[in-house]
Each structure stands twice: as C-alpha cells, then as structure tokens.
Amino acid sequence: MSDATTGGPPRLLSVGDIVVGPNELLGEWVAAQITSIDADWKKVAVLRSRH
C-alpha cells in the first residue's frame, strides 16, 4: 500500500517544497514553502502566502 492511500504525504518533506491546505479560520486555501526542517523537534519553518 502506498503512503498516498494511508493519508500521509507521498514522500518526506524537503526544504523548498510547497504545501497547500484549507484554513478554516480564514475560509480559504493557504500555501506555505518549507524553509527549514528540525527533525528532532518535528517542526518546520515556512513562508506563507494567502491567495
């Protein structure tokens, strides 16, 4: 079974990747670019954009 069918991303995230998802508070879709990854803390830094 591939990761895409289990609800997870199809591959690990990398710096430079763009992720998109709905924001219920804003009532619209938002995009963010991964700028750094801290695997130890399971955190990422992002640049966000609303469209």
PDB file of N, CA and C in Angstrom:
ATOM      1  N   MET A   1       0.849  -1.174   0.000  1.00  0.00           N
ATOM      2  CA  MET A   1       0.000   0.000   0.000  1.00  0.00           C
ATOM      3  C   MET A   1       0.893   1.235   0.000  1.00  0.00           C
ATOM      4  N   SER A   2       0.597   2.197  -0.870  1.00  0.00           N
ATOM      5  CA  SER A   2       1.417   3.407  -0.934  1.00  0.00           C
ATOM      6  C   SER A   2       1.026   4.381   0.170  1.00  0.00           C
ATOM      7  N   ASP A   3       1.938   5.302   0.502  1.00  0.00           N
ATOM      8  CA  ASP A   3       1.663   6.307   1.524  1.00  0.00           C
ATOM      9  C   ASP A   3       0.471   7.176   1.145  1.00  0.00           C
ATOM     10  N   ALA A   4       0.289   7.431  -0.159  1.00  0.00           N
ATOM     11  CA  ALA A   4      -0.801   8.306  -0.611  1.00  0.00           C
ATOM     12  C   ALA A   4      -2.164   7.754  -0.211  1.00  0.00           C
ATOM     13  N   THR A   5      -2.300   6.441  -0.096  1.00  0.00           N
ATOM     14  CA  THR A   5      -3.597   5.863   0.258  1.00  0.00           C
ATOM     15  C   THR A   5      -3.790   5.764   1.762  1.00  0.00           C
ATOM     16  N   THR A   6      -2.763   6.032   2.558  1.00  0.00           N
ATOM     17  CA  THR A   6      -2.886   5.951   4.008  1.00  0.00           C
ATOM     18  C   THR A   6      -3.089   7.318   4.635  1.00  0.00           C
ATOM     19  N   GLY A   7      -3.215   8.368   3.827  1.00  0.00           N
ATOM     20  CA  GLY A   7      -3.452   9.698   4.364  1.00  0.00           C
ATOM     21  C   GLY A   7      -2.190  10.495   4.624  1.00  0.00           C
ATOM     22  N   GLY A   8      -1.025   9.922   4.394  1.00  0.00           N
ATOM     23  CA  GLY A   8       0.224  10.632   4.602  1.00  0.00           C
ATOM     24  C   GLY A   8       0.756  11.194   3.306  1.00  0.00           C
ATOM     25  N   PRO A   9       1.800  11.992   3.407  1.00  0.00           N
ATOM     26  CA  PRO A   9       2.384  12.525   2.173  1.00  0.00           C
ATOM     27  C   PRO A   9       3.007  11.410   1.348  1.00  0.00           C
ATOM     28  N   PRO A  10       3.121  11.592   0.026  1.00  0.00           N
ATOM     29  CA  PRO A  10       3.684  10.546  -0.821  1.00  0.00           C
ATOM     30  C   PRO A  10       5.189  10.370  -0.621  1.00  0.00           C
ATOM     31  N   ARG A  11       5.851  11.354  -0.019  1.00  0.00           N
ATOM     32  CA  ARG A  11       7.274  11.255   0.296  1.00  0.00           C
ATOM     33  C   ARG A  11       7.563  12.208   1.449  1.00  0.00           C
ATOM     34  N   LEU A  12       8.749  12.129   2.016  1.00  0.00           N
ATOM     35  CA  LEU A  12       9.131  13.040   3.088  1.00  0.00           C
ATOM     36  C   LEU A  12       9.216  14.463   2.555  1.00  0.00           C
ATOM     37  N   LEU A  13       8.898  15.431   3.392  1.00  0.00           N
ATOM     38  CA  LEU A  13       9.016  16.838   3.006  1.00  0.00           C
ATOM     39  C   LEU A  13      10.483  17.237   2.945  1.00  0.00           C
ATOM     40  N   SER A  14      10.779  18.179   2.053  1.00  0.00           N
ATOM     41  CA  SER A  14      12.136  18.703   1.897  1.00  0.00           C
ATOM     42  C   SER A  14      12.080  20.224   1.879  1.00  0.00           C
ATOM     43  N   VAL A  15      13.195  20.855   2.247  1.00  0.00           N
ATOM     44  CA  VAL A  15      13.297  22.309   2.145  1.00  0.00           C
ATOM     45  C   VAL A  15      13.044  22.704   0.694  1.00  0.00           C
ATOM     46  N   GLY A  16      12.223  23.727   0.499  1.00  0.00           N
ATOM     47  CA  GLY A  16      11.857  24.174  -0.835  1.00  0.00           C
ATOM     48  C   GLY A  16      10.492  23.673  -1.285  1.00  0.00           C
ATOM     49  N   ASP A  17       9.974  22.618  -0.648  1.00  0.00           N
ATOM     50  CA  ASP A  17       8.652  22.099  -1.009  1.00  0.00           C
ATOM     51  C   ASP A  17       7.565  23.126  -0.711  1.00  0.00           C
ATOM     52  N   ILE A  18       6.522  23.102  -1.510  1.00  0.00           N
ATOM     53  CA  ILE A  18       5.334  23.922  -1.295  1.00  0.00           C
ATOM     54  C   ILE A  18       4.227  23.002  -0.803  1.00  0.00           C
ATOM     55  N   VAL A  19       3.589  23.388   0.288  1.00  0.00           N
ATOM     56  CA  VAL A  19       2.451  22.630   0.808  1.00  0.00           C
ATOM     57  C   VAL A  19       1.223  23.536   0.781  1.00  0.00           C
ATOM     58  N   VAL A  20       0.058  22.953   0.527  1.00  0.00           N
ATOM     59  CA  VAL A  20      -1.187  23.713   0.401  1.00  0.00           C
ATOM     60  C   VAL A  20      -2.267  23.005   1.197  1.00  0.00           C
ATOM     61  N   GLY A  21      -3.114  23.788   1.857  1.00  0.00           N
ATOM     62  CA  GLY A  21      -4.217  23.202   2.589  1.00  0.00           C
ATOM     63  C   GLY A  21      -5.255  24.238   2.938  1.00  0.00           C
ATOM     64  N   PRO A  22      -6.442  23.791   3.314  1.00  0.00           N
ATOM     65  CA  PRO A  22      -7.508  24.727   3.685  1.00  0.00           C
ATOM     66  C   PRO A  22      -7.259  25.301   5.082  1.00  0.00           C
ATOM     67  N   ASN A  23      -7.627  26.563   5.256  1.00  0.00           N
ATOM     68  CA  ASN A  23      -7.559  27.224   6.551  1.00  0.00           C
ATOM     69  C   ASN A  23      -8.984  27.584   6.931  1.00  0.00           C
ATOM     70  N   GLU A  24      -9.543  26.879   7.915  1.00  0.00           N
ATOM     71  CA  GLU A  24     -10.935  27.094   8.294  1.00  0.00           C
ATOM     72  C   GLU A  24     -11.161  28.477   8.884  1.00  0.00           C
ATOM     73  N   LEU A  25     -10.192  29.008   9.614  1.00  0.00           N
ATOM     74  CA  LEU A  25     -10.324  30.338  10.218  1.00  0.00           C
ATOM     75  C   LEU A  25     -10.453  31.417   9.140  1.00  0.00           C
ATOM     76  N   LEU A  26      -9.638  31.331   8.090  1.00  0.00           N
ATOM     77  CA  LEU A  26      -9.677  32.305   7.010  1.00  0.00           C
ATOM     78  C   LEU A  26     -10.756  31.986   5.975  1.00  0.00           C
ATOM     79  N   GLY A  27     -11.191  30.722   5.938  1.00  0.00           N
ATOM     80  CA  GLY A  27     -12.186  30.315   4.965  1.00  0.00           C
ATOM     81  C   GLY A  27     -11.636  30.253   3.553  1.00  0.00           C
ATOM     82  N   GLU A  28     -10.354  29.976   3.434  1.00  0.00           N
ATOM     83  CA  GLU A  28      -9.735  29.877   2.110  1.00  0.00           C
ATOM     84  C   GLU A  28      -8.522  28.958   2.185  1.00  0.00           C
ATOM     85  N   TRP A  29      -7.946  28.684   1.024  1.00  0.00           N
ATOM     86  CA  TRP A  29      -6.755  27.850   0.942  1.00  0.00           C
ATOM     87  C   TRP A  29      -5.517  28.701   1.192  1.00  0.00           C
ATOM     88  N   VAL A  30      -4.507  28.097   1.834  1.00  0.00           N
ATOM     89  CA  VAL A  30      -3.239  28.780   2.063  1.00  0.00           C
ATOM     90  C   VAL A  30      -2.102  27.898   1.554  1.00  0.00           C
ATOM     91  N   ALA A  31      -1.011  28.545   1.165  1.00  0.00           N
ATOM     92  CA  ALA A  31       0.176  27.828   0.699  1.00  0.00           C
ATOM     93  C   ALA A  31       1.355  28.244   1.569  1.00  0.00           C
ATOM     94  N   ALA A  32       2.289  27.334   1.742  1.00  0.00           N
ATOM     95  CA  ALA A  32       3.498  27.623   2.517  1.00  0.00           C
ATOM     96  C   ALA A  32       4.673  26.898   1.874  1.00  0.00           C
ATOM     97  N   GLN A  33       5.825  27.577   1.859  1.00  0.00           N
ATOM     98  CA  GLN A  33       7.045  26.952   1.364  1.00  0.00           C
ATOM     99  C   GLN A  33       7.914  26.586   2.551  1.00  0.00           C
ATOM    100  N   ILE A  34       8.380  25.338   2.586  1.00  0.00           N
ATOM    101  CA  ILE A  34       9.246  24.863   3.660  1.00  0.00           C
ATOM    102  C   ILE A  34      10.611  25.547   3.524  1.00  0.00           C
ATOM    103  N   THR A  35      11.057  26.242   4.596  1.00  0.00           N
ATOM    104  CA  THR A  35      12.348  26.926   4.550  1.00  0.00           C
ATOM    105  C   THR A  35      13.404  26.246   5.410  1.00  0.00           C
ATOM    106  N   SER A  36      12.979  25.491   6.422  1.00  0.00           N
ATOM    107  CA  SER A  36      13.925  24.686   7.210  1.00  0.00           C
ATOM    108  C   SER A  36      13.150  23.596   7.934  1.00  0.00           C
ATOM    109  N   ILE A  37      13.866  22.529   8.277  1.00  0.00           N
ATOM    110  CA  ILE A  37      13.256  21.378   8.952  1.00  0.00           C
ATOM    111  C   ILE A  37      14.106  21.017  10.161  1.00  0.00           C
ATOM    112  N   ASP A  38      13.451  20.881  11.323  1.00  0.00           N
ATOM    113  CA  ASP A  38      14.118  20.417  12.539  1.00  0.00           C
ATOM    114  C   ASP A  38      13.495  19.069  12.898  1.00  0.00           C
ATOM    115  N   ALA A  39      14.116  17.998  12.421  1.00  0.00           N
ATOM    116  CA  ALA A  39      13.567  16.658  12.620  1.00  0.00           C
ATOM    117  C   ALA A  39      13.519  16.268  14.100  1.00  0.00           C
ATOM    118  N   ASP A  40      14.488  16.731  14.890  1.00  0.00           N
ATOM    119  CA  ASP A  40      14.500  16.388  16.315  1.00  0.00           C
ATOM    120  C   ASP A  40      13.261  16.910  17.041  1.00  0.00           C
ATOM    121  N   TRP A  41      12.833  18.117  16.699  1.00  0.00           N
ATOM    122  CA  TRP A  41      11.663  18.733  17.331  1.00  0.00           C
ATOM    123  C   TRP A  41      10.391  18.523  16.514  1.00  0.00           C
ATOM    124  N   LYS A  42      10.516  17.857  15.345  1.00  0.00           N
ATOM    125  CA  LYS A  42       9.376  17.619  14.452  1.00  0.00           C
ATOM    126  C   LYS A  42       8.669  18.930  14.101  1.00  0.00           C
ATOM    127  N   LYS A  43       9.479  19.923  13.703  1.00  0.00           N
ATOM    128  CA  LYS A  43       8.974  21.251  13.346  1.00  0.00           C
ATOM    129  C   LYS A  43       9.570  21.679  12.015  1.00  0.00           C
ATOM    130  N   VAL A  44       8.842  22.537  11.312  1.00  0.00           N
ATOM    131  CA  VAL A  44       9.348  23.141  10.084  1.00  0.00           C
ATOM    132  C   VAL A  44       9.130  24.644  10.162  1.00  0.00           C
ATOM    133  N   ALA A  45       9.974  25.405   9.480  1.00  0.00           N
ATOM    134  CA  ALA A  45       9.767  26.835   9.299  1.00  0.00           C
ATOM    135  C   ALA A  45       9.233  27.024   7.891  1.00  0.00           C
ATOM    136  N   VAL A  46       8.299  27.977   7.728  1.00  0.00           N
ATOM    137  CA  VAL A  46       7.663  28.169   6.436  1.00  0.00           C
ATOM    138  C   VAL A  46       7.515  29.649   6.090  1.00  0.00           C
ATOM    139  N   LEU A  47       7.433  29.918   4.789  1.00  0.00           N
ATOM    140  CA  LEU A  47       6.976  31.200   4.263  1.00  0.00           C
ATOM    141  C   LEU A  47       5.533  30.970   3.833  1.00  0.00           C
ATOM    142  N   ARG A  48       4.620  31.802   4.283  1.00  0.00           N
ATOM    143  CA  ARG A  48       3.218  31.600   3.953  1.00  0.00           C
ATOM    144  C   ARG A  48       2.740  32.617   2.930  1.00  0.00           C
ATOM    145  N   SER A  49       1.713  32.217   2.200  1.00  0.00           N
ATOM    146  CA  SER A  49       1.088  33.098   1.233  1.00  0.00           C
ATOM    147  C   SER A  49      -0.398  32.792   1.190  1.00  0.00           C
ATOM    148  N   ARG A  50      -1.230  33.831   1.168  1.00  0.00           N
ATOM    149  CA  ARG A  50      -2.682  33.637   1.019  1.00  0.00           C
ATOM    150  C   ARG A  50      -3.071  34.066  -0.379  1.00  0.00           C
ATOM    151  N   HIS A  51      -3.921  33.262  -1.017  1.00  0.00           N
ATOM    152  CA  HIS A  51      -4.421  33.612  -2.353  1.00  0.00           C
ATOM    153  C   HIS A  51      -5.893  33.378  -2.406  1.00  0.00           C
TER     154      HIS A  51
END
